[in-house]
C-alpha cells in the first residue's frame, strides 16, 4: 500500500521484500504480477502467469470481467500515448493468456465473478489484514526495508 503514496513500483518492492525474507521463488512471482518477464504463446500456464492473470481480474476487492478491469486501467494510467500503447499491448497478451488458461476448463472466464462470493473469504481477508499490519510494524522497526 505504500506505493500508492510513494509511486514506487510495488511489484518490484514486493519481489525484493520476499527475496530478503528468503523466498526468492515467491518474490519472482510477485515481481511479475503486473507485467510478466515473458509472454509464451503456448504451453501450460506458469505460477507467475496465473498470478498475473488473477491480478488483472481483480479490481480493488471484486472479481471483475477483464474488459472492466481494462477500462479502469486505461482511465487511471493511460495518461500518455506511450503508456496507453503499453497497456493495450499487455492486455492483448492477457487475452491470449486467458485463452490458454480456460482452454480445458469446463467454464469460461466470464463465469469467474459468480464463482467467488466475497463473504466466503471473510476469514481469509481478516488473516491477510493481520499479516499486512504485522509486516508494516516490522518494516517500521527495520529502517531501509521496503
Protein backbone atom coordinates (compact mmCIF):
# COMPACT_ATOMS: atom_id res chain seq x y z
CA UNK A 1 0.00 0.00 0.00
CA UNK A 2 2.96 2.31 0.50
CA UNK A 3 3.37 2.54 -3.28
CA UNK A 4 0.11 4.45 -3.56
CA UNK A 5 1.77 7.24 -1.58
CA UNK A 6 5.32 6.95 -2.96
CA UNK A 7 4.64 6.00 -6.58
CA UNK A 8 7.22 3.21 -6.34
CA UNK A 9 6.94 0.01 -8.37
CA UNK A 10 5.02 -2.15 -5.90
CA UNK A 11 5.72 -5.36 -7.83
CA UNK A 12 9.46 -4.76 -7.57
CA UNK A 13 9.18 -3.77 -3.92
CA UNK A 14 7.26 -6.96 -3.16
CA UNK A 15 9.82 -9.03 -5.07
CA UNK A 16 12.72 -7.55 -3.09
CA UNK A 17 10.89 -7.84 0.21
CA UNK A 18 10.18 -11.55 -0.28
CA UNK A 19 13.70 -12.27 -1.54
CA UNK A 20 15.11 -10.58 1.56
CA UNK A 21 12.90 -12.84 3.69
CA UNK A 22 14.37 -15.90 1.93
CA UNK A 23 11.59 -16.59 -0.59
CA UNK A 24 13.18 -15.84 -3.99
CA UNK A 25 10.77 -18.04 -5.97
CA UNK A 26 7.73 -16.33 -4.48
CA UNK A 27 9.41 -12.96 -4.90
CA UNK A 28 9.88 -13.67 -8.60
CA UNK A 29 6.18 -14.47 -8.98
CA UNK A 30 5.12 -11.36 -7.06
CA UNK A 31 7.53 -9.30 -9.14
CA UNK A 32 5.68 -10.40 -12.30
CA UNK A 33 2.11 -9.87 -11.09
CA UNK A 34 1.77 -6.60 -13.03
CA UNK A 35 3.90 -7.38 -16.09
CA UNK A 36 5.35 -10.76 -16.98
CA UNK A 37 9.01 -11.22 -17.87
CA UNK A 38 7.88 -13.28 -20.89
CA UNK A 39 4.59 -14.00 -22.66
CA UNK A 40 4.86 -17.52 -24.07
CA UNK A 41 2.28 -18.22 -26.79
CA UNK A 42 1.58 -21.80 -25.71
CA UNK A 43 2.06 -24.38 -23.00
CA UNK A 44 0.65 -24.82 -19.55
CA UNK A 45 0.43 -21.52 -17.66
CA UNK A 46 3.13 -20.99 -15.04
CA UNK A 47 2.53 -19.82 -11.48
CA UNK A 48 3.68 -16.32 -12.48
CA UNK A 49 1.21 -16.26 -15.38
CA UNK A 50 -1.68 -17.38 -13.17
CA UNK A 51 -0.94 -14.75 -10.53
CA UNK A 52 -0.54 -12.12 -13.25
CA UNK A 53 -3.89 -13.08 -14.75
CA UNK A 54 -5.56 -13.08 -11.32
CA UNK A 55 -4.24 -9.55 -10.78
CA UNK A 56 -5.94 -8.46 -13.99
CA UNK A 57 -9.26 -9.95 -12.89
CA UNK A 58 -9.48 -8.13 -9.56
CA UNK A 59 -10.49 -4.52 -9.11
CA UNK A 60 -9.99 -3.46 -5.52
CA UNK A 61 -11.87 -6.23 -3.69
CA UNK A 62 -14.03 -7.61 -6.51
CA UNK A 63 -13.50 -10.21 -9.21
CA UNK A 64 -14.46 -8.43 -12.41
CA UNK A 65 -14.58 -9.07 -16.12
CA UNK A 66 -11.32 -8.47 -17.92
CA UNK A 67 -12.84 -5.69 -20.03
CA UNK A 68 -14.00 -3.86 -16.88
CA UNK A 69 -10.50 -4.02 -15.41
CA UNK A 70 -9.06 -2.79 -18.70
CA UNK A 71 -11.44 0.18 -18.73
CA UNK A 72 -10.33 1.07 -15.18
CA UNK A 73 -6.65 0.65 -16.06
CA UNK A 74 -6.94 2.83 -19.17
CA UNK A 75 -8.74 5.55 -17.25
CA UNK A 76 -6.35 5.52 -14.28
CA UNK A 77 -2.99 5.00 -16.01
CA UNK A 78 -3.42 5.70 -19.73
CA UNK A 79 -2.34 9.32 -19.45
CA UNK A 80 0.06 9.44 -22.37
CA UNK A 81 0.38 7.61 -25.72
CA UNK A 82 3.38 5.51 -24.65
CA UNK A 83 1.68 4.18 -21.52
CA UNK A 84 -1.58 3.72 -23.41
CA UNK A 85 0.20 1.60 -26.03
CA UNK A 86 1.93 -0.48 -23.33
CA UNK A 87 -1.40 -1.12 -21.59
CA UNK A 88 -3.04 -2.21 -24.84
CA UNK A 89 -0.09 -4.49 -25.72
CA UNK A 90 -0.19 -6.06 -22.25
CA UNK A 91 -3.93 -6.54 -22.47
CA UNK A 92 -3.64 -8.35 -25.78
CA UNK A 93 -1.12 -10.73 -24.17
CA UNK A 94 -3.51 -11.13 -21.22
CA UNK A 95 -6.34 -12.12 -23.58
CA UNK A 96 -4.04 -14.73 -25.14
CA UNK A 97 -3.12 -15.99 -21.66
CA UNK A 98 -6.80 -16.12 -20.71
CA UNK A 99 -7.46 -18.33 -23.72
CA UNK A 100 -4.67 -20.71 -22.63
CA UNK A 101 -5.93 -20.82 -19.03
CA UNK A 102 -9.55 -21.57 -19.89
CA UNK A 103 -8.93 -23.82 -22.89
CA UNK A 104 -9.60 -27.06 -20.99
CA UNK A 105 -11.76 -25.77 -18.16
CA UNK A 106 -15.49 -26.57 -18.03
CA UNK A 107 -16.38 -22.88 -17.68
CA UNK A 108 -15.31 -19.66 -19.33
CA UNK A 109 -13.66 -16.56 -17.92
CA UNK A 110 -16.95 -14.66 -17.69
CA UNK A 111 -18.10 -17.15 -15.01
CA UNK A 112 -15.36 -16.14 -12.54
CA UNK A 113 -17.16 -13.22 -10.85
CA UNK A 114 -20.02 -15.53 -9.90
CA UNK A 115 -17.80 -18.32 -8.61
CA UNK A 116 -16.33 -16.46 -5.65
CA UNK A 117 -18.59 -14.89 -3.06
CA UNK A 118 -16.52 -12.33 -1.11
CA UNK A 119 -18.35 -13.32 2.08
CA UNK A 120 -16.94 -16.84 1.71
CA UNK A 121 -13.46 -15.38 2.18
CA UNK A 122 -14.10 -13.05 5.12
CA UNK A 123 -11.86 -15.13 7.42
CA UNK A 124 -9.04 -15.21 4.88
CA UNK A 125 -9.32 -11.45 4.32
CA UNK A 126 -9.02 -10.90 8.06
CA UNK A 127 -5.91 -13.09 8.22
CA UNK A 128 -4.36 -11.17 5.30
CA UNK A 129 -5.12 -7.86 7.01
CA UNK A 130 -3.42 -9.13 10.18
CA UNK A 131 -0.38 -10.18 8.16
CA UNK A 132 -0.23 -6.77 6.45
CA UNK A 133 -0.37 -5.00 9.80
CA UNK A 134 2.42 -7.24 11.12
CA UNK A 135 4.56 -6.53 8.05
CA UNK A 136 4.01 -2.79 8.38
CA UNK A 137 5.00 -2.98 12.04
CA UNK A 138 8.14 -4.96 11.20
CA UNK A 139 9.03 -2.55 8.40
CA UNK A 140 8.80 0.42 10.73
CA UNK A 141 11.28 -1.33 13.05
CA UNK A 142 13.73 -2.16 10.22
CA UNK A 143 14.92 1.04 8.55
CA UNK A 144 15.74 0.68 4.88
CA UNK A 145 13.43 -2.29 4.28
CA UNK A 146 10.60 -1.96 1.74
